[in-house]
Amino acid sequence: MRVDGRISRRRPLFGEILVSEGRVTQGQLEEALSTQEEERLYLGEILEGMGLIGPDDIRHALEIQKRWDRLYGSADG
């Protein structure tokens, strides 16, 4: 994932992927993250409940994270 023109070695966050892929806006992500703090649901569930993404979008973002883990190692160590 690119950050300020550089490739980051940090695993891309689910919401960052959706924004960078044009699936949601930064504002929509921030709204969903605010909801997540209150409701303790998965971000994908919240965004889907808001009608912004569907199951295919969730799978796509998770697949990007899995590919990153295969290339650079798991985010957990």
PDB file of N, CA and C in Angstrom:
ATOM      1  N   MET A   1       0.850  -1.166   0.000  1.00  0.00           N
ATOM      2  CA  MET A   1       0.000   0.000   0.000  1.00  0.00           C
ATOM      3  C   MET A   1       0.895   1.228   0.000  1.00  0.00           C
ATOM      4  N   ARG A   2       0.499   2.228  -0.753  1.00  0.00           N
ATOM      5  CA  ARG A   2       1.288   3.449  -0.833  1.00  0.00           C
ATOM      6  C   ARG A   2       0.778   4.477   0.159  1.00  0.00           C
ATOM      7  N   VAL A   3       1.720   5.114   0.816  1.00  0.00           N
ATOM      8  CA  VAL A   3       1.409   6.202   1.738  1.00  0.00           C
ATOM      9  C   VAL A   3       2.358   7.333   1.401  1.00  0.00           C
ATOM     10  N   ASP A   4       1.805   8.462   0.986  1.00  0.00           N
ATOM     11  CA  ASP A   4       2.619   9.630   0.613  1.00  0.00           C
ATOM     12  C   ASP A   4       3.699   9.280  -0.403  1.00  0.00           C
ATOM     13  N   GLY A   5       3.356   8.456  -1.396  1.00  0.00           N
ATOM     14  CA  GLY A   5       4.301   8.115  -2.446  1.00  0.00           C
ATOM     15  C   GLY A   5       5.290   7.025  -2.085  1.00  0.00           C
ATOM     16  N   ARG A   6       5.242   6.540  -0.860  1.00  0.00           N
ATOM     17  CA  ARG A   6       6.144   5.467  -0.430  1.00  0.00           C
ATOM     18  C   ARG A   6       5.327   4.200  -0.187  1.00  0.00           C
ATOM     19  N   ILE A   7       5.964   3.070  -0.303  1.00  0.00           N
ATOM     20  CA  ILE A   7       5.296   1.808   0.017  1.00  0.00           C
ATOM     21  C   ILE A   7       5.475   1.552   1.503  1.00  0.00           C
ATOM     22  N   SER A   8       4.367   1.362   2.177  1.00  0.00           N
ATOM     23  CA  SER A   8       4.390   1.130   3.615  1.00  0.00           C
ATOM     24  C   SER A   8       4.636  -0.347   3.897  1.00  0.00           C
ATOM     25  N   ARG A   9       5.384  -0.637   4.934  1.00  0.00           N
ATOM     26  CA  ARG A   9       5.622  -2.017   5.352  1.00  0.00           C
ATOM     27  C   ARG A   9       4.647  -2.439   6.439  1.00  0.00           C
ATOM     28  N   ARG A  10       3.679  -1.582   6.712  1.00  0.00           N
ATOM     29  CA  ARG A  10       2.630  -1.894   7.676  1.00  0.00           C
ATOM     30  C   ARG A  10       1.455  -2.492   6.920  1.00  0.00           C
ATOM     31  N   ARG A  11       0.876  -3.524   7.492  1.00  0.00           N
ATOM     32  CA  ARG A  11      -0.272  -4.156   6.854  1.00  0.00           C
ATOM     33  C   ARG A  11      -1.382  -3.126   6.673  1.00  0.00           C
ATOM     34  N   PRO A  12      -1.952  -3.043   5.469  1.00  0.00           N
ATOM     35  CA  PRO A  12      -3.020  -2.068   5.252  1.00  0.00           C
ATOM     36  C   PRO A  12      -4.254  -2.432   6.069  1.00  0.00           C
ATOM     37  N   LEU A  13      -4.826  -1.424   6.686  1.00  0.00           N
ATOM     38  CA  LEU A  13      -6.034  -1.638   7.461  1.00  0.00           C
ATOM     39  C   LEU A  13      -7.221  -1.819   6.522  1.00  0.00           C
ATOM     40  N   PHE A  14      -8.217  -2.546   6.991  1.00  0.00           N
ATOM     41  CA  PHE A  14      -9.408  -2.855   6.209  1.00  0.00           C
ATOM     42  C   PHE A  14     -10.015  -1.584   5.605  1.00  0.00           C
ATOM     43  N   GLY A  15     -10.233  -0.579   6.431  1.00  0.00           N
ATOM     44  CA  GLY A  15     -10.833   0.667   5.957  1.00  0.00           C
ATOM     45  C   GLY A  15      -9.951   1.417   4.973  1.00  0.00           C
ATOM     46  N   GLU A  16      -8.643   1.373   5.197  1.00  0.00           N
ATOM     47  CA  GLU A  16      -7.709   2.029   4.269  1.00  0.00           C
ATOM     48  C   GLU A  16      -7.821   1.417   2.880  1.00  0.00           C
ATOM     49  N   ILE A  17      -7.967   0.119   2.841  1.00  0.00           N
ATOM     50  CA  ILE A  17      -8.100  -0.566   1.553  1.00  0.00           C
ATOM     51  C   ILE A  17      -9.358  -0.094   0.839  1.00  0.00           C
ATOM     52  N   LEU A  18     -10.457  -0.046   1.562  1.00  0.00           N
ATOM     53  CA  LEU A  18     -11.718   0.367   0.948  1.00  0.00           C
ATOM     54  C   LEU A  18     -11.658   1.797   0.425  1.00  0.00           C
ATOM     55  N   VAL A  19     -10.994   2.677   1.157  1.00  0.00           N
ATOM     56  CA  VAL A  19     -10.841   4.058   0.695  1.00  0.00           C
ATOM     57  C   VAL A  19      -9.932   4.107  -0.532  1.00  0.00           C
ATOM     58  N   SER A  20      -8.796   3.427  -0.460  1.00  0.00           N
ATOM     59  CA  SER A  20      -7.851   3.475  -1.587  1.00  0.00           C
ATOM     60  C   SER A  20      -8.416   2.837  -2.849  1.00  0.00           C
ATOM     61  N   GLU A  21      -9.333   1.892  -2.683  1.00  0.00           N
ATOM     62  CA  GLU A  21      -9.965   1.228  -3.828  1.00  0.00           C
ATOM     63  C   GLU A  21     -11.201   1.993  -4.313  1.00  0.00           C
ATOM     64  N   GLY A  22     -11.543   3.082  -3.629  1.00  0.00           N
ATOM     65  CA  GLY A  22     -12.689   3.879  -4.037  1.00  0.00           C
ATOM     66  C   GLY A  22     -14.036   3.294  -3.655  1.00  0.00           C
ATOM     67  N   ARG A  23     -14.038   2.351  -2.734  1.00  0.00           N
ATOM     68  CA  ARG A  23     -15.306   1.726  -2.311  1.00  0.00           C
ATOM     69  C   ARG A  23     -16.077   2.623  -1.338  1.00  0.00           C
ATOM     70  N   VAL A  24     -15.344   3.367  -0.503  1.00  0.00           N
ATOM     71  CA  VAL A  24     -15.958   4.322   0.426  1.00  0.00           C
ATOM     72  C   VAL A  24     -15.090   5.573   0.464  1.00  0.00           C
ATOM     73  N   THR A  25     -15.667   6.669   0.949  1.00  0.00           N
ATOM     74  CA  THR A  25     -14.893   7.895   1.109  1.00  0.00           C
ATOM     75  C   THR A  25     -14.265   7.913   2.505  1.00  0.00           C
ATOM     76  N   GLN A  26     -13.319   8.812   2.700  1.00  0.00           N
ATOM     77  CA  GLN A  26     -12.698   8.960   4.018  1.00  0.00           C
ATOM     78  C   GLN A  26     -13.755   9.351   5.053  1.00  0.00           C
ATOM     79  N   GLY A  27     -14.667  10.217   4.675  1.00  0.00           N
ATOM     80  CA  GLY A  27     -15.725  10.639   5.580  1.00  0.00           C
ATOM     81  C   GLY A  27     -16.646   9.494   5.975  1.00  0.00           C
ATOM     82  N   GLN A  28     -16.988   8.643   5.007  1.00  0.00           N
ATOM     83  CA  GLN A  28     -17.827   7.479   5.305  1.00  0.00           C
ATOM     84  C   GLN A  28     -17.098   6.514   6.236  1.00  0.00           C
ATOM     85  N   LEU A  29     -15.802   6.333   6.002  1.00  0.00           N
ATOM     86  CA  LEU A  29     -15.007   5.466   6.865  1.00  0.00           C
ATOM     87  C   LEU A  29     -14.983   6.012   8.287  1.00  0.00           C
ATOM     88  N   GLU A  30     -14.760   7.311   8.419  1.00  0.00           N
ATOM     89  CA  GLU A  30     -14.707   7.920   9.751  1.00  0.00           C
ATOM     90  C   GLU A  30     -16.032   7.769  10.489  1.00  0.00           C
ATOM     91  N   GLU A  31     -17.134   7.919   9.761  1.00  0.00           N
ATOM     92  CA  GLU A  31     -18.457   7.726  10.363  1.00  0.00           C
ATOM     93  C   GLU A  31     -18.622   6.284  10.848  1.00  0.00           C
ATOM     94  N   ALA A  32     -18.205   5.338  10.022  1.00  0.00           N
ATOM     95  CA  ALA A  32     -18.313   3.928  10.393  1.00  0.00           C
ATOM     96  C   ALA A  32     -17.410   3.595  11.581  1.00  0.00           C
ATOM     97  N   LEU A  33     -16.205   4.180  11.621  1.00  0.00           N
ATOM     98  CA  LEU A  33     -15.307   3.939  12.745  1.00  0.00           C
ATOM     99  C   LEU A  33     -15.884   4.496  14.040  1.00  0.00           C
ATOM    100  N   SER A  34     -16.556   5.618  13.950  1.00  0.00           N
ATOM    101  CA  SER A  34     -17.215   6.192  15.120  1.00  0.00           C
ATOM    102  C   SER A  34     -18.314   5.250  15.619  1.00  0.00           C
ATOM    103  N   THR A  35     -19.076   4.718  14.687  1.00  0.00           N
ATOM    104  CA  THR A  35     -20.117   3.749  15.037  1.00  0.00           C
ATOM    105  C   THR A  35     -19.496   2.500  15.655  1.00  0.00           C
ATOM    106  N   GLN A  36     -18.360   2.084  15.117  1.00  0.00           N
ATOM    107  CA  GLN A  36     -17.697   0.883  15.613  1.00  0.00           C
ATOM    108  C   GLN A  36     -17.282   1.031  17.071  1.00  0.00           C
ATOM    109  N   GLU A  37     -16.847   2.214  17.457  1.00  0.00           N
ATOM    110  CA  GLU A  37     -16.465   2.453  18.850  1.00  0.00           C
ATOM    111  C   GLU A  37     -17.642   2.240  19.789  1.00  0.00           C
ATOM    112  N   GLU A  38     -18.841   2.584  19.339  1.00  0.00           N
ATOM    113  CA  GLU A  38     -20.039   2.464  20.158  1.00  0.00           C
ATOM    114  C   GLU A  38     -20.631   1.062  20.126  1.00  0.00           C
ATOM    115  N   GLU A  39     -20.634   0.424  18.969  1.00  0.00           N
ATOM    116  CA  GLU A  39     -21.362  -0.829  18.786  1.00  0.00           C
ATOM    117  C   GLU A  39     -20.505  -2.084  18.817  1.00  0.00           C
ATOM    118  N   ARG A  40     -19.195  -1.941  18.693  1.00  0.00           N
ATOM    119  CA  ARG A  40     -18.275  -3.082  18.729  1.00  0.00           C
ATOM    120  C   ARG A  40     -18.626  -4.168  17.701  1.00  0.00           C
ATOM    121  N   LEU A  41     -18.862  -3.731  16.486  1.00  0.00           N
ATOM    122  CA  LEU A  41     -19.100  -4.640  15.368  1.00  0.00           C
ATOM    123  C   LEU A  41     -17.906  -4.579  14.428  1.00  0.00           C
ATOM    124  N   TYR A  42     -17.806  -5.561  13.541  1.00  0.00           N
ATOM    125  CA  TYR A  42     -16.778  -5.507  12.506  1.00  0.00           C
ATOM    126  C   TYR A  42     -17.069  -4.319  11.591  1.00  0.00           C
ATOM    127  N   LEU A  43     -16.016  -3.680  11.138  1.00  0.00           N
ATOM    128  CA  LEU A  43     -16.161  -2.527  10.267  1.00  0.00           C
ATOM    129  C   LEU A  43     -16.935  -2.881   8.998  1.00  0.00           C
ATOM    130  N   GLY A  44     -16.659  -4.033   8.443  1.00  0.00           N
ATOM    131  CA  GLY A  44     -17.382  -4.467   7.248  1.00  0.00           C
ATOM    132  C   GLY A  44     -18.874  -4.586   7.476  1.00  0.00           C
ATOM    133  N   GLU A  45     -19.261  -5.080   8.652  1.00  0.00           N
ATOM    134  CA  GLU A  45     -20.680  -5.193   8.983  1.00  0.00           C
ATOM    135  C   GLU A  45     -21.337  -3.811   9.034  1.00  0.00           C
ATOM    136  N   ILE A  46     -20.638  -2.866   9.623  1.00  0.00           N
ATOM    137  CA  ILE A  46     -21.178  -1.510   9.745  1.00  0.00           C
ATOM    138  C   ILE A  46     -21.339  -0.878   8.364  1.00  0.00           C
ATOM    139  N   LEU A  47     -20.294  -0.951   7.549  1.00  0.00           N
ATOM    140  CA  LEU A  47     -20.341  -0.350   6.215  1.00  0.00           C
ATOM    141  C   LEU A  47     -21.398  -1.021   5.345  1.00  0.00           C
ATOM    142  N   GLU A  48     -21.544  -2.323   5.496  1.00  0.00           N
ATOM    143  CA  GLU A  48     -22.577  -3.035   4.745  1.00  0.00           C
ATOM    144  C   GLU A  48     -23.965  -2.602   5.239  1.00  0.00           C
ATOM    145  N   GLY A  49     -24.118  -2.461   6.544  1.00  0.00           N
ATOM    146  CA  GLY A  49     -25.381  -1.995   7.107  1.00  0.00           C
ATOM    147  C   GLY A  49     -25.742  -0.591   6.674  1.00  0.00           C
ATOM    148  N   MET A  50     -24.723   0.213   6.389  1.00  0.00           N
ATOM    149  CA  MET A  50     -24.940   1.576   5.893  1.00  0.00           C
ATOM    150  C   MET A  50     -25.263   1.574   4.399  1.00  0.00           C
ATOM    151  N   GLY A  51     -25.179   0.410   3.768  1.00  0.00           N
ATOM    152  CA  GLY A  51     -25.464   0.300   2.339  1.00  0.00           C
ATOM    153  C   GLY A  51     -24.330   0.764   1.445  1.00  0.00           C
ATOM    154  N   LEU A  52     -23.117   0.842   2.010  1.00  0.00           N
ATOM    155  CA  LEU A  52     -21.978   1.374   1.253  1.00  0.00           C
ATOM    156  C   LEU A  52     -21.163   0.307   0.540  1.00  0.00           C
ATOM    157  N   ILE A  53     -21.116  -0.877   1.099  1.00  0.00           N
ATOM    158  CA  ILE A  53     -20.357  -1.976   0.490  1.00  0.00           C
ATOM    159  C   ILE A  53     -21.192  -3.254   0.585  1.00  0.00           C
ATOM    160  N   GLY A  54     -20.757  -4.253  -0.161  1.00  0.00           N
ATOM    161  CA  GLY A  54     -21.415  -5.554  -0.126  1.00  0.00           C
ATOM    162  C   GLY A  54     -20.421  -6.645   0.242  1.00  0.00           C
ATOM    163  N   PRO A  55     -20.898  -7.879   0.300  1.00  0.00           N
ATOM    164  CA  PRO A  55     -20.029  -9.003   0.649  1.00  0.00           C
ATOM    165  C   PRO A  55     -18.802  -9.126  -0.254  1.00  0.00           C
ATOM    166  N   ASP A  56     -18.947  -8.826  -1.535  1.00  0.00           N
ATOM    167  CA  ASP A  56     -17.800  -8.917  -2.451  1.00  0.00           C
ATOM    168  C   ASP A  56     -16.723  -7.899  -2.087  1.00  0.00           C
ATOM    169  N   ASP A  57     -17.134  -6.713  -1.653  1.00  0.00           N
ATOM    170  CA  ASP A  57     -16.173  -5.694  -1.239  1.00  0.00           C
ATOM    171  C   ASP A  57     -15.416  -6.138   0.012  1.00  0.00           C
ATOM    172  N   ILE A  58     -16.129  -6.761   0.934  1.00  0.00           N
ATOM    173  CA  ILE A  58     -15.506  -7.268   2.161  1.00  0.00           C
ATOM    174  C   ILE A  58     -14.479  -8.338   1.810  1.00  0.00           C
ATOM    175  N   ARG A  59     -14.887  -9.296   0.977  1.00  0.00           N
ATOM    176  CA  ARG A  59     -13.961 -10.364   0.558  1.00  0.00           C
ATOM    177  C   ARG A  59     -12.732  -9.784  -0.140  1.00  0.00           C
ATOM    178  N   HIS A  60     -12.945  -8.799  -0.989  1.00  0.00           N
ATOM    179  CA  HIS A  60     -11.846  -8.183  -1.734  1.00  0.00           C
ATOM    180  C   HIS A  60     -10.819  -7.559  -0.778  1.00  0.00           C
ATOM    181  N   ALA A  61     -11.303  -6.781   0.190  1.00  0.00           N
ATOM    182  CA  ALA A  61     -10.388  -6.128   1.139  1.00  0.00           C
ATOM    183  C   ALA A  61      -9.655  -7.167   1.990  1.00  0.00           C
ATOM    184  N   LEU A  62     -10.360  -8.191   2.423  1.00  0.00           N
ATOM    185  CA  LEU A  62      -9.713  -9.239   3.224  1.00  0.00           C
ATOM    186  C   LEU A  62      -8.680 -10.005   2.405  1.00  0.00           C
ATOM    187  N   GLU A  63      -8.952 -10.209   1.131  1.00  0.00           N
ATOM    188  CA  GLU A  63      -7.990 -10.890   0.262  1.00  0.00           C
ATOM    189  C   GLU A  63      -6.720 -10.055   0.098  1.00  0.00           C
ATOM    190  N   ILE A  64      -6.860  -8.751  -0.013  1.00  0.00           N
ATOM    191  CA  ILE A  64      -5.681  -7.886  -0.092  1.00  0.00           C
ATOM    192  C   ILE A  64      -4.845  -8.036   1.180  1.00  0.00           C
ATOM    193  N   GLN A  65      -5.496  -8.069   2.335  1.00  0.00           N
ATOM    194  CA  GLN A  65      -4.759  -8.254   3.585  1.00  0.00           C
ATOM    195  C   GLN A  65      -4.070  -9.611   3.625  1.00  0.00           C
ATOM    196  N   LYS A  66      -4.745 -10.664   3.152  1.00  0.00           N
ATOM    197  CA  LYS A  66      -4.136 -12.006   3.126  1.00  0.00           C
ATOM    198  C   LYS A  66      -2.919 -12.044   2.210  1.00  0.00           C
ATOM    199  N   ARG A  67      -3.040 -11.390   1.041  1.00  0.00           N
ATOM    200  CA  ARG A  67      -1.899 -11.344   0.122  1.00  0.00           C
ATOM    201  C   ARG A  67      -0.726 -10.606   0.757  1.00  0.00           C
ATOM    202  N   TRP A  68      -1.007  -9.523   1.456  1.00  0.00           N
ATOM    203  CA  TRP A  68       0.044  -8.775   2.144  1.00  0.00           C
ATOM    204  C   TRP A  68       0.736  -9.681   3.162  1.00  0.00           C
ATOM    205  N   ASP A  69      -0.061 -10.430   3.921  1.00  0.00           N
ATOM    206  CA  ASP A  69       0.512 -11.352   4.922  1.00  0.00           C
ATOM    207  C   ASP A  69       1.404 -12.395   4.267  1.00  0.00           C
ATOM    208  N   ARG A  70       0.984 -12.914   3.119  1.00  0.00           N
ATOM    209  CA  ARG A  70       1.800 -13.918   2.412  1.00  0.00           C
ATOM    210  C   ARG A  70       3.110 -13.309   1.924  1.00  0.00           C
ATOM    211  N   LEU A  71       3.053 -12.070   1.464  1.00  0.00           N
ATOM    212  CA  LEU A  71       4.254 -11.424   0.920  1.00  0.00           C
ATOM    213  C   LEU A  71       5.201 -10.928   2.004  1.00  0.00           C
ATOM    214  N   TYR A  72       4.654 -10.347   3.072  1.00  0.00           N
ATOM    215  CA  TYR A  72       5.474  -9.649   4.053  1.00  0.00           C
ATOM    216  C   TYR A  72       5.418 -10.238   5.462  1.00  0.00           C
ATOM    217  N   GLY A  73       4.612 -11.244   5.660  1.00  0.00           N
ATOM    218  CA  GLY A  73       4.482 -11.822   6.983  1.00  0.00           C
ATOM    219  C   GLY A  73       3.237 -11.307   7.681  1.00  0.00           C
ATOM    220  N   SER A  74       2.763 -12.081   8.624  1.00  0.00           N
ATOM    221  CA  SER A  74       1.538 -11.747   9.340  1.00  0.00           C
ATOM    222  C   SER A  74       1.705 -10.457  10.151  1.00  0.00           C
ATOM    223  N   ALA A  75       0.612  -9.729  10.280  1.00  0.00           N
ATOM    224  CA  ALA A  75       0.612  -8.507  11.086  1.00  0.00           C
ATOM    225  C   ALA A  75       0.823  -8.830  12.557  1.00  0.00           C
ATOM    226  N   ASP A  76       0.552 -10.070  12.940  1.00  0.00           N
ATOM    227  CA  ASP A  76       0.679 -10.476  14.337  1.00  0.00           C
ATOM    228  C   ASP A  76       2.098 -10.878  14.716  1.00  0.00           C
ATOM    229  N   GLY A  77       2.975 -10.864  13.760  1.00  0.00           N
ATOM    230  CA  GLY A  77       4.348 -11.162  14.100  1.00  0.00           C
ATOM    231  C   GLY A  77       4.873 -12.215  13.250  1.00  0.00           C
TER     232      GLY A  77
END
